[in-house]
C-alpha cells in the first residue's frame, strides 16, 4: 500500500521560510516523478514543482528562484524548501507521486499540509 505523508507546514510571516517534507512508503520516489502541488481556497490544484527519475526539475513560474525541490533517495523523501514566502503562497500543499501503470499511470497523493503566509 502506497502512503505519502507530508509535514512541515505552518504559519509564517511574509518573507519567511518553510521546508516541507514528503515521506513515502510502498513506492520508491527515485523511480517515479514526484511533484508538489498546492490548492488555495476556491481555486484549482496547481503544480508547484516536480522532480523526475533523472533529477530533472521543473518549477511553476510563480515560485522560480524562491522554492527548491529536492530528493533524498536514502530516506525516500522529497522536500520543498520555500523561501521569501508571500501571502499568495498560502494554500494546502500536496505531495504527488506518478507511477507507471499498464499503458498509463497512477497518481498517489498525500493528505496535504497547510501553509499560511501572513502579510
Protein backbone atom coordinates (compact mmCIF):
# COMPACT_ATOMS: atom_id res chain seq x y z
CA UNK A 1 0.00 0.00 0.00
CA UNK A 2 1.36 3.37 -1.03
CA UNK A 3 1.37 6.13 1.57
CA UNK A 4 2.68 9.67 1.23
CA UNK A 5 2.94 11.76 4.38
CA UNK A 6 3.59 15.50 4.20
CA UNK A 7 4.85 17.60 7.07
CA UNK A 8 6.41 20.99 7.71
CA UNK A 9 3.54 23.34 7.03
CA UNK A 10 2.64 26.19 9.33
CA UNK A 11 2.10 29.91 9.75
CA UNK A 12 4.92 32.25 8.78
CA UNK A 13 5.19 35.98 8.09
CA UNK A 14 5.79 37.25 4.60
CA UNK A 15 9.46 36.89 3.70
CA UNK A 16 9.85 33.83 5.88
CA UNK A 17 10.80 30.27 5.03
CA UNK A 18 9.43 26.78 5.46
CA UNK A 19 10.61 23.35 4.44
CA UNK A 20 8.00 20.77 3.54
CA UNK A 21 8.76 17.08 3.63
CA UNK A 22 7.03 14.18 1.91
CA UNK A 23 7.95 10.74 3.16
CA UNK A 24 6.85 7.68 1.20
CA UNK A 25 6.19 4.06 1.90
CA UNK A 26 5.17 1.42 -0.63
CA UNK A 27 6.71 3.35 -3.52
CA UNK A 28 10.25 4.32 -4.46
CA UNK A 29 10.47 8.03 -5.12
CA UNK A 30 13.62 7.78 -7.23
CA UNK A 31 11.79 5.52 -9.68
CA UNK A 32 8.87 7.90 -10.21
CA UNK A 33 8.08 11.53 -10.90
CA UNK A 34 7.36 13.32 -7.64
CA UNK A 35 5.69 16.68 -7.50
CA UNK A 36 4.39 19.29 -5.12
CA UNK A 37 1.01 20.84 -5.84
CA UNK A 38 -0.91 23.48 -3.96
CA UNK A 39 -4.53 24.44 -3.70
CA UNK A 40 -5.81 27.72 -2.32
CA UNK A 41 -9.44 28.07 -1.17
CA UNK A 42 -11.78 28.25 -4.14
CA UNK A 43 -9.02 27.58 -6.64
CA UNK A 44 -7.80 24.60 -8.60
CA UNK A 45 -4.87 22.47 -7.56
CA UNK A 46 -1.76 23.72 -9.34
CA UNK A 47 1.67 22.26 -9.91
CA UNK A 48 4.41 23.94 -7.91
CA UNK A 49 7.49 21.83 -8.60
CA UNK A 50 8.40 18.41 -9.95
CA UNK A 51 11.46 16.18 -9.98
CA UNK A 52 11.86 13.30 -12.41
CA UNK A 53 13.67 9.99 -12.05
CA UNK A 54 16.75 11.51 -13.69
CA UNK A 55 16.68 14.53 -11.41
CA UNK A 56 15.25 16.94 -13.95
CA UNK A 57 13.36 19.69 -12.15
CA UNK A 58 10.56 22.00 -13.19
CA UNK A 59 9.01 24.90 -11.30
CA UNK A 60 5.92 26.99 -11.73
CA UNK A 61 6.88 30.49 -12.84
CA UNK A 62 5.40 31.94 -9.66
CA UNK A 63 7.92 30.13 -7.43
CA UNK A 64 11.08 30.13 -9.56
CA UNK A 65 14.02 31.47 -7.62
CA UNK A 66 12.23 31.09 -4.28
CA UNK A 67 11.36 27.39 -3.98
CA UNK A 68 13.66 24.39 -4.30
CA UNK A 69 12.57 20.78 -4.68
CA UNK A 70 15.00 18.04 -3.71
CA UNK A 71 15.01 14.31 -3.10
CA UNK A 72 16.84 12.16 -0.56
CA UNK A 73 16.90 8.67 -2.02
CA UNK A 74 18.23 7.08 1.17
CA UNK A 75 15.29 8.44 3.15
CA UNK A 76 12.80 8.05 0.28
CA UNK A 77 11.73 11.61 0.98
CA UNK A 78 11.15 14.67 -1.17
CA UNK A 79 11.47 18.20 0.16
CA UNK A 80 10.23 21.61 -0.85
CA UNK A 81 12.30 24.46 0.53
CA UNK A 82 10.26 27.63 0.35
CA UNK A 83 11.98 30.98 0.83
CA UNK A 84 10.80 34.57 0.50
CA UNK A 85 7.26 33.43 1.10
CA UNK A 86 4.41 35.67 0.00
CA UNK A 87 0.79 35.80 1.16
CA UNK A 88 -0.24 34.41 -2.23
CA UNK A 89 1.71 31.23 -1.42
CA UNK A 90 -0.94 30.43 1.18
CA UNK A 91 -2.50 27.08 0.30
CA UNK A 92 -2.69 23.43 1.16
CA UNK A 93 0.39 21.77 -0.29
CA UNK A 94 0.14 18.21 -1.58
CA UNK A 95 2.79 15.69 -2.46
CA UNK A 96 2.16 13.61 -5.58
CA UNK A 97 3.90 10.55 -6.97
CA UNK A 98 3.10 9.41 -10.50
CA UNK A 99 3.85 5.77 -11.20
CA UNK A 100 3.65 3.88 -14.46
CA UNK A 101 0.67 1.55 -14.53
CA UNK A 102 0.00 -0.59 -17.57
CA UNK A 103 -0.18 1.72 -20.58
CA UNK A 104 -0.83 4.75 -18.41
CA UNK A 105 -0.01 5.97 -14.96
CA UNK A 106 -1.41 6.12 -11.47
CA UNK A 107 -1.28 9.11 -9.15
CA UNK A 108 -0.75 8.87 -5.42
CA UNK A 109 -1.43 11.81 -3.12
CA UNK A 110 -0.61 12.76 0.41
CA UNK A 111 -3.12 14.26 2.80
CA UNK A 112 -1.78 17.79 2.39
CA UNK A 113 -0.16 20.28 4.73
CA UNK A 114 -1.39 23.83 5.30
CA UNK A 115 0.93 26.73 4.59
CA UNK A 116 -0.26 30.16 5.69
CA UNK A 117 1.76 33.29 4.98
CA UNK A 118 0.70 36.39 6.85
CA UNK A 119 1.13 39.87 5.39
